[in-house]
Amino acid sequence: MAVIRLANPKRDARQVAAIYYPYVMNTPITFETNPPDGTEMQRRMKKVSEIYTSLVCEHETEIMGYSYGSKFRDRSAYDWIVETTVYVREAAHGLGIGKALYASLLECLKLQGFTSAYGVIALPNDPSVSLHEHFGFTKDYLMTNAGYRDGQWYDVGFWRLKLSDTSENTLPIIPVDELRSMNYFKNSVAFGEQFLKLS
């Protein structure tokens, strides 16, 4: 049985690093050139999980994909904007995992109080564009020739989704640890399981 759950940095980091590895080595989409090992991935996951929702899709103890929110920019004025990311195990594409993880992630980020989510996409990347637009993200702006890797320049597009209305009385973002025990948050974590095509 496949489930979506909150990521556990210590337990999941090695498998998450293995999922990320081919994206770094075989594609330009991450702009990273040295794939992180399990130790470095654990450090990254722990840092993200202090504030943001970080999820994995697990099937019979195997991590099939992961998604997370992260800081969009360092200045505090940007605190209500979140950057979203999802990666799926290479052999598991077409099973609804990316869609399931993103559906759950967006529900959780809304509960945390974020007002906008941004997907930052190195182009061309039609599958990622399609995934974001499925959830209502719209192209906000384009940076042309923004990244150079392996002898080629790549554009970077920013897709935006409005998560909630903005107001002058915007409340502080709720760290994920303050929500994890709430039933409505647990329901949001599991929300995307409806899209999974795994038994």
C-alpha atoms as a PDB file:
ATOM      1  CA  MET A   1       0.000   0.000   0.000  1.00  0.00           C
ATOM      2  CA  ALA A   2       1.271   3.463  -0.898  1.00  0.00           C
ATOM      3  CA  VAL A   3       1.002   6.351   1.542  1.00  0.00           C
ATOM      4  CA  ILE A   4       2.036   9.976   1.687  1.00  0.00           C
ATOM      5  CA  ARG A   5       3.551  11.024   4.979  1.00  0.00           C
ATOM      6  CA  LEU A   6       5.741  13.681   6.509  1.00  0.00           C
ATOM      7  CA  ALA A   7       9.387  13.130   5.674  1.00  0.00           C
ATOM      8  CA  ASN A   8      11.748  11.893   8.358  1.00  0.00           C
ATOM      9  CA  PRO A   9      15.211  13.316   7.567  1.00  0.00           C
ATOM     10  CA  LYS A  10      17.162  10.646   9.422  1.00  0.00           C
ATOM     11  CA  ARG A  11      15.151   7.720   8.077  1.00  0.00           C
ATOM     12  CA  ASP A  12      14.481   8.926   4.520  1.00  0.00           C
ATOM     13  CA  ALA A  13      17.575  10.905   3.507  1.00  0.00           C
ATOM     14  CA  ARG A  14      19.469   8.051   1.843  1.00  0.00           C
ATOM     15  CA  GLN A  15      16.566   7.110  -0.435  1.00  0.00           C
ATOM     16  CA  VAL A  16      15.729  10.741  -1.161  1.00  0.00           C
ATOM     17  CA  ALA A  17      19.345  11.347  -2.194  1.00  0.00           C
ATOM     18  CA  ALA A  18      19.156   8.317  -4.503  1.00  0.00           C
ATOM     19  CA  ILE A  19      16.014   9.713  -6.169  1.00  0.00           C
ATOM     20  CA  TYR A  20      17.655  13.100  -6.664  1.00  0.00           C
ATOM     21  CA  TYR A  21      20.951  11.689  -7.990  1.00  0.00           C
ATOM     22  CA  PRO A  22      19.950  11.029 -11.639  1.00  0.00           C
ATOM     23  CA  TYR A  23      18.313  14.442 -11.930  1.00  0.00           C
ATOM     24  CA  VAL A  24      21.653  16.050 -11.090  1.00  0.00           C
ATOM     25  CA  MET A  25      23.780  13.710 -13.191  1.00  0.00           C
ATOM     26  CA  ASN A  26      21.589  13.291 -16.278  1.00  0.00           C
ATOM     27  CA  THR A  27      19.536  16.486 -16.608  1.00  0.00           C
ATOM     28  CA  PRO A  28      20.076  20.241 -16.366  1.00  0.00           C
ATOM     29  CA  ILE A  29      16.909  20.916 -14.402  1.00  0.00           C
ATOM     30  CA  THR A  30      18.413  21.269 -10.913  1.00  0.00           C
ATOM     31  CA  PHE A  31      21.476  23.366 -11.901  1.00  0.00           C
ATOM     32  CA  GLU A  32      23.396  21.352  -9.292  1.00  0.00           C
ATOM     33  CA  THR A  33      26.502  19.547 -10.514  1.00  0.00           C
ATOM     34  CA  ASN A  34      27.478  17.470  -7.462  1.00  0.00           C
ATOM     35  CA  PRO A  35      24.677  15.240  -6.134  1.00  0.00           C
ATOM     36  CA  PRO A  36      24.392  15.318  -2.339  1.00  0.00           C
ATOM     37  CA  ASP A  37      24.991  12.109  -0.417  1.00  0.00           C
ATOM     38  CA  GLY A  38      22.707  10.851   2.331  1.00  0.00           C
ATOM     39  CA  THR A  39      24.440  12.899   5.024  1.00  0.00           C
ATOM     40  CA  GLU A  40      24.108  16.162   3.120  1.00  0.00           C
ATOM     41  CA  MET A  41      20.541  15.372   2.116  1.00  0.00           C
ATOM     42  CA  GLN A  42      19.673  14.711   5.756  1.00  0.00           C
ATOM     43  CA  ARG A  43      21.065  18.127   6.685  1.00  0.00           C
ATOM     44  CA  ARG A  44      19.014  19.815   3.961  1.00  0.00           C
ATOM     45  CA  MET A  45      15.833  17.966   4.867  1.00  0.00           C
ATOM     46  CA  LYS A  46      16.232  18.769   8.558  1.00  0.00           C
ATOM     47  CA  LYS A  47      16.671  22.466   7.808  1.00  0.00           C
ATOM     48  CA  VAL A  48      13.619  22.591   5.522  1.00  0.00           C
ATOM     49  CA  SER A  49      11.471  20.650   7.984  1.00  0.00           C
ATOM     50  CA  GLU A  50      12.007  23.206  10.747  1.00  0.00           C
ATOM     51  CA  ILE A  51       9.371  25.413   9.108  1.00  0.00           C
ATOM     52  CA  TYR A  52       8.082  23.929   5.863  1.00  0.00           C
ATOM     53  CA  THR A  53       6.078  20.842   4.949  1.00  0.00           C
ATOM     54  CA  SER A  54       8.263  18.060   3.558  1.00  0.00           C
ATOM     55  CA  LEU A  55       6.583  14.877   2.288  1.00  0.00           C
ATOM     56  CA  VAL A  56       7.464  11.485   0.890  1.00  0.00           C
ATOM     57  CA  CYS A  57       5.434   8.883  -0.956  1.00  0.00           C
ATOM     58  CA  GLU A  58       6.249   5.457   0.446  1.00  0.00           C
ATOM     59  CA  HIS A  59       5.352   2.097  -1.061  1.00  0.00           C
ATOM     60  CA  GLU A  60       6.306  -1.020   0.883  1.00  0.00           C
ATOM     61  CA  THR A  61       9.197   0.775   2.668  1.00  0.00           C
ATOM     62  CA  GLU A  62      10.516   2.243  -0.616  1.00  0.00           C
ATOM     63  CA  ILE A  63      10.413   6.004  -1.147  1.00  0.00           C
ATOM     64  CA  MET A  64       8.892   6.641  -4.574  1.00  0.00           C
ATOM     65  CA  GLY A  65       9.091  10.425  -4.556  1.00  0.00           C
ATOM     66  CA  TYR A  66       9.287  13.470  -2.344  1.00  0.00           C
ATOM     67  CA  SER A  67       8.115  17.069  -2.256  1.00  0.00           C
ATOM     68  CA  TYR A  68       8.696  20.038  -0.016  1.00  0.00           C
ATOM     69  CA  GLY A  69       8.282  23.745   0.466  1.00  0.00           C
ATOM     70  CA  SER A  70      11.273  25.998   1.033  1.00  0.00           C
ATOM     71  CA  LYS A  71      12.260  29.626   1.510  1.00  0.00           C
ATOM     72  CA  PHE A  72      11.696  31.712  -1.624  1.00  0.00           C
ATOM     73  CA  ARG A  73      14.012  34.600  -0.660  1.00  0.00           C
ATOM     74  CA  ASP A  74      15.929  35.503   2.494  1.00  0.00           C
ATOM     75  CA  ARG A  75      14.321  38.860   3.326  1.00  0.00           C
ATOM     76  CA  SER A  76      11.542  38.582   5.921  1.00  0.00           C
ATOM     77  CA  ALA A  77       9.090  40.403   3.640  1.00  0.00           C
ATOM     78  CA  TYR A  78       9.007  37.221   1.534  1.00  0.00           C
ATOM     79  CA  ASP A  79       8.089  34.930   4.447  1.00  0.00           C
ATOM     80  CA  TRP A  80       4.558  34.305   3.131  1.00  0.00           C
ATOM     81  CA  ILE A  81       5.813  33.069  -0.244  1.00  0.00           C
ATOM     82  CA  VAL A  82       7.000  29.480  -0.564  1.00  0.00           C
ATOM     83  CA  GLU A  83       8.946  27.702  -3.304  1.00  0.00           C
ATOM     84  CA  THR A  84       7.674  24.214  -4.083  1.00  0.00           C
ATOM     85  CA  THR A  85       9.637  21.204  -5.314  1.00  0.00           C
ATOM     86  CA  VAL A  86       8.835  17.617  -6.267  1.00  0.00           C
ATOM     87  CA  TYR A  87      10.943  14.706  -7.521  1.00  0.00           C
ATOM     88  CA  VAL A  88       9.814  11.196  -8.456  1.00  0.00           C
ATOM     89  CA  ARG A  89      11.898   8.027  -8.672  1.00  0.00           C
ATOM     90  CA  GLU A  90      12.958   7.522 -12.301  1.00  0.00           C
ATOM     91  CA  ALA A  91      11.339   4.093 -12.585  1.00  0.00           C
ATOM     92  CA  ALA A  92       8.042   5.318 -11.100  1.00  0.00           C
ATOM     93  CA  HIS A  93       6.912   7.979 -13.550  1.00  0.00           C
ATOM     94  CA  GLY A  94       3.316   7.715 -14.761  1.00  0.00           C
ATOM     95  CA  LEU A  95       1.956   6.376 -11.469  1.00  0.00           C
ATOM     96  CA  GLY A  96       0.475   9.640 -10.244  1.00  0.00           C
ATOM     97  CA  ILE A  97       3.174  10.145  -7.622  1.00  0.00           C
ATOM     98  CA  GLY A  98       4.149  13.695  -8.570  1.00  0.00           C
ATOM     99  CA  LYS A  99       0.528  14.786  -8.726  1.00  0.00           C
ATOM    100  CA  ALA A 100      -0.252  13.096  -5.401  1.00  0.00           C
ATOM    101  CA  LEU A 101       2.696  14.677  -3.616  1.00  0.00           C
ATOM    102  CA  TYR A 102       1.951  18.133  -4.989  1.00  0.00           C
ATOM    103  CA  ALA A 103      -1.733  17.902  -4.092  1.00  0.00           C
ATOM    104  CA  SER A 104      -0.844  17.050  -0.495  1.00  0.00           C
ATOM    105  CA  LEU A 105       1.930  19.621  -0.300  1.00  0.00           C
ATOM    106  CA  LEU A 106      -0.268  22.491  -1.473  1.00  0.00           C
ATOM    107  CA  GLU A 107      -3.011  21.589   1.012  1.00  0.00           C
ATOM    108  CA  CYS A 108      -0.487  21.602   3.846  1.00  0.00           C
ATOM    109  CA  LEU A 109       1.103  24.885   2.797  1.00  0.00           C
ATOM    110  CA  LYS A 110      -2.309  26.550   2.801  1.00  0.00           C
ATOM    111  CA  LEU A 111      -2.834  25.459   6.401  1.00  0.00           C
ATOM    112  CA  GLN A 112       0.548  26.875   7.339  1.00  0.00           C
ATOM    113  CA  GLY A 113      -0.598  30.282   6.119  1.00  0.00           C
ATOM    114  CA  PHE A 114       1.426  30.798   2.953  1.00  0.00           C
ATOM    115  CA  THR A 115      -0.197  33.168   0.456  1.00  0.00           C
ATOM    116  CA  SER A 116       1.634  32.193  -2.751  1.00  0.00           C
ATOM    117  CA  ALA A 117       3.581  29.204  -4.021  1.00  0.00           C
ATOM    118  CA  TYR A 118       6.204  29.407  -6.749  1.00  0.00           C
ATOM    119  CA  GLY A 119       7.466  26.600  -8.919  1.00  0.00           C
ATOM    120  CA  VAL A 120      10.855  27.541 -10.380  1.00  0.00           C
ATOM    121  CA  ILE A 121      11.441  25.575 -13.571  1.00  0.00           C
ATOM    122  CA  ALA A 122      14.553  25.324 -15.734  1.00  0.00           C
ATOM    123  CA  LEU A 123      13.282  25.218 -19.311  1.00  0.00           C
ATOM    124  CA  PRO A 124      12.450  23.287 -21.362  1.00  0.00           C
ATOM    125  CA  ASN A 125      10.700  20.921 -18.954  1.00  0.00           C
ATOM    126  CA  ASP A 126       7.237  20.082 -20.294  1.00  0.00           C
ATOM    127  CA  PRO A 127       6.330  17.518 -17.578  1.00  0.00           C
ATOM    128  CA  SER A 128       6.990  20.027 -14.796  1.00  0.00           C
ATOM    129  CA  VAL A 129       5.123  22.801 -16.591  1.00  0.00           C
ATOM    130  CA  SER A 130       2.139  20.471 -17.108  1.00  0.00           C
ATOM    131  CA  LEU A 131       2.146  19.426 -13.445  1.00  0.00           C
ATOM    132  CA  HIS A 132       2.156  23.003 -12.206  1.00  0.00           C
ATOM    133  CA  GLU A 133      -0.529  24.143 -14.626  1.00  0.00           C
ATOM    134  CA  HIS A 134      -2.703  21.171 -13.621  1.00  0.00           C
ATOM    135  CA  PHE A 135      -2.858  22.699 -10.143  1.00  0.00           C
ATOM    136  CA  GLY A 136      -3.591  26.191 -11.420  1.00  0.00           C
ATOM    137  CA  PHE A 137      -0.102  27.674 -11.413  1.00  0.00           C
ATOM    138  CA  THR A 138       0.323  30.384 -14.039  1.00  0.00           C
ATOM    139  CA  LYS A 139       3.532  31.644 -15.584  1.00  0.00           C
ATOM    140  CA  ASP A 140       4.490  34.794 -13.710  1.00  0.00           C
ATOM    141  CA  TYR A 141       7.776  35.699 -15.364  1.00  0.00           C
ATOM    142  CA  LEU A 142      10.690  34.338 -17.327  1.00  0.00           C
ATOM    143  CA  MET A 143      14.417  34.795 -16.828  1.00  0.00           C
ATOM    144  CA  THR A 144      16.108  34.275 -20.180  1.00  0.00           C
ATOM    145  CA  ASN A 145      19.552  32.688 -20.278  1.00  0.00           C
ATOM    146  CA  ALA A 146      19.444  32.477 -16.509  1.00  0.00           C
ATOM    147  CA  GLY A 147      21.608  29.393 -15.966  1.00  0.00           C
ATOM    148  CA  TYR A 148      24.630  27.951 -17.782  1.00  0.00           C
ATOM    149  CA  ARG A 149      25.464  24.274 -17.577  1.00  0.00           C
ATOM    150  CA  ASP A 150      27.330  21.810 -19.773  1.00  0.00           C
ATOM    151  CA  GLY A 151      27.962  24.387 -22.478  1.00  0.00           C
ATOM    152  CA  GLN A 152      24.373  25.567 -22.788  1.00  0.00           C
ATOM    153  CA  TRP A 153      22.240  28.436 -21.475  1.00  0.00           C
ATOM    154  CA  TYR A 154      18.816  27.717 -19.991  1.00  0.00           C
ATOM    155  CA  ASP A 155      15.829  29.939 -19.329  1.00  0.00           C
ATOM    156  CA  VAL A 156      14.123  29.752 -15.939  1.00  0.00           C
ATOM    157  CA  GLY A 157      10.378  30.252 -15.580  1.00  0.00           C
ATOM    158  CA  PHE A 158       8.499  31.155 -12.410  1.00  0.00           C
ATOM    159  CA  TRP A 159       5.019  29.663 -12.098  1.00  0.00           C
ATOM    160  CA  ARG A 160       2.822  31.121  -9.332  1.00  0.00           C
ATOM    161  CA  LEU A 161      -0.212  29.786  -7.482  1.00  0.00           C
ATOM    162  CA  LYS A 162      -2.259  31.935  -5.122  1.00  0.00           C
ATOM    163  CA  LEU A 163      -2.843  29.936  -1.933  1.00  0.00           C
ATOM    164  CA  SER A 164      -4.835  32.467   0.082  1.00  0.00           C
ATOM    165  CA  ASP A 165      -5.950  36.077   0.097  1.00  0.00           C
ATOM    166  CA  THR A 166      -3.542  38.702   1.337  1.00  0.00           C
ATOM    167  CA  SER A 167      -4.563  41.266   3.922  1.00  0.00           C
ATOM    168  CA  GLU A 168      -3.040  43.818   6.236  1.00  0.00           C
ATOM    169  CA  ASN A 169      -3.606  41.388   9.134  1.00  0.00           C
ATOM    170  CA  THR A 170      -1.503  38.564   7.719  1.00  0.00           C
ATOM    171  CA  LEU A 171      -0.652  36.104  10.494  1.00  0.00           C
ATOM    172  CA  PRO A 172       2.786  34.541  11.013  1.00  0.00           C
ATOM    173  CA  ILE A 173       3.492  31.278   9.211  1.00  0.00           C
ATOM    174  CA  ILE A 174       2.771  28.234  11.391  1.00  0.00           C
ATOM    175  CA  PRO A 175       5.788  25.866  11.575  1.00  0.00           C
ATOM    176  CA  VAL A 176       4.931  22.341  10.500  1.00  0.00           C
ATOM    177  CA  ASP A 177       5.729  20.917  13.962  1.00  0.00           C
ATOM    178  CA  GLU A 178       2.858  22.930  15.438  1.00  0.00           C
ATOM    179  CA  LEU A 179       0.406  21.312  13.019  1.00  0.00           C
ATOM    180  CA  ARG A 180       1.596  17.715  12.692  1.00  0.00           C
ATOM    181  CA  SER A 181      -0.606  16.377  15.500  1.00  0.00           C
ATOM    182  CA  MET A 182      -3.788  18.062  14.229  1.00  0.00           C
ATOM    183  CA  ASN A 183      -6.284  15.798  12.458  1.00  0.00           C
ATOM    184  CA  TYR A 184      -7.041  18.368   9.766  1.00  0.00           C
ATOM    185  CA  PHE A 185      -3.332  18.576   8.952  1.00  0.00           C
ATOM    186  CA  LYS A 186      -3.038  14.780   8.834  1.00  0.00           C
ATOM    187  CA  ASN A 187      -5.932  14.782   6.370  1.00  0.00           C
ATOM    188  CA  SER A 188      -4.091  17.326   4.225  1.00  0.00           C
ATOM    189  CA  VAL A 189      -0.947  15.177   4.234  1.00  0.00           C
ATOM    190  CA  ALA A 190      -2.999  12.223   2.950  1.00  0.00           C
ATOM    191  CA  PHE A 191      -5.078  14.321   0.537  1.00  0.00           C
ATOM    192  CA  GLY A 192      -3.044  13.473  -2.565  1.00  0.00           C
ATOM    193  CA  GLU A 193      -3.258   9.700  -2.096  1.00  0.00           C
ATOM    194  CA  GLN A 194      -6.387   9.754  -4.248  1.00  0.00           C
ATOM    195  CA  PHE A 195      -4.140  10.341  -7.285  1.00  0.00           C
ATOM    196  CA  LEU A 196      -1.833   7.388  -6.680  1.00  0.00           C
ATOM    197  CA  LYS A 197      -1.913   4.488  -9.109  1.00  0.00           C
ATOM    198  CA  LEU A 198      -0.091   2.165  -6.732  1.00  0.00           C
ATOM    199  CA  SER A 199      -1.800  -0.653  -4.840  1.00  0.00           C
END
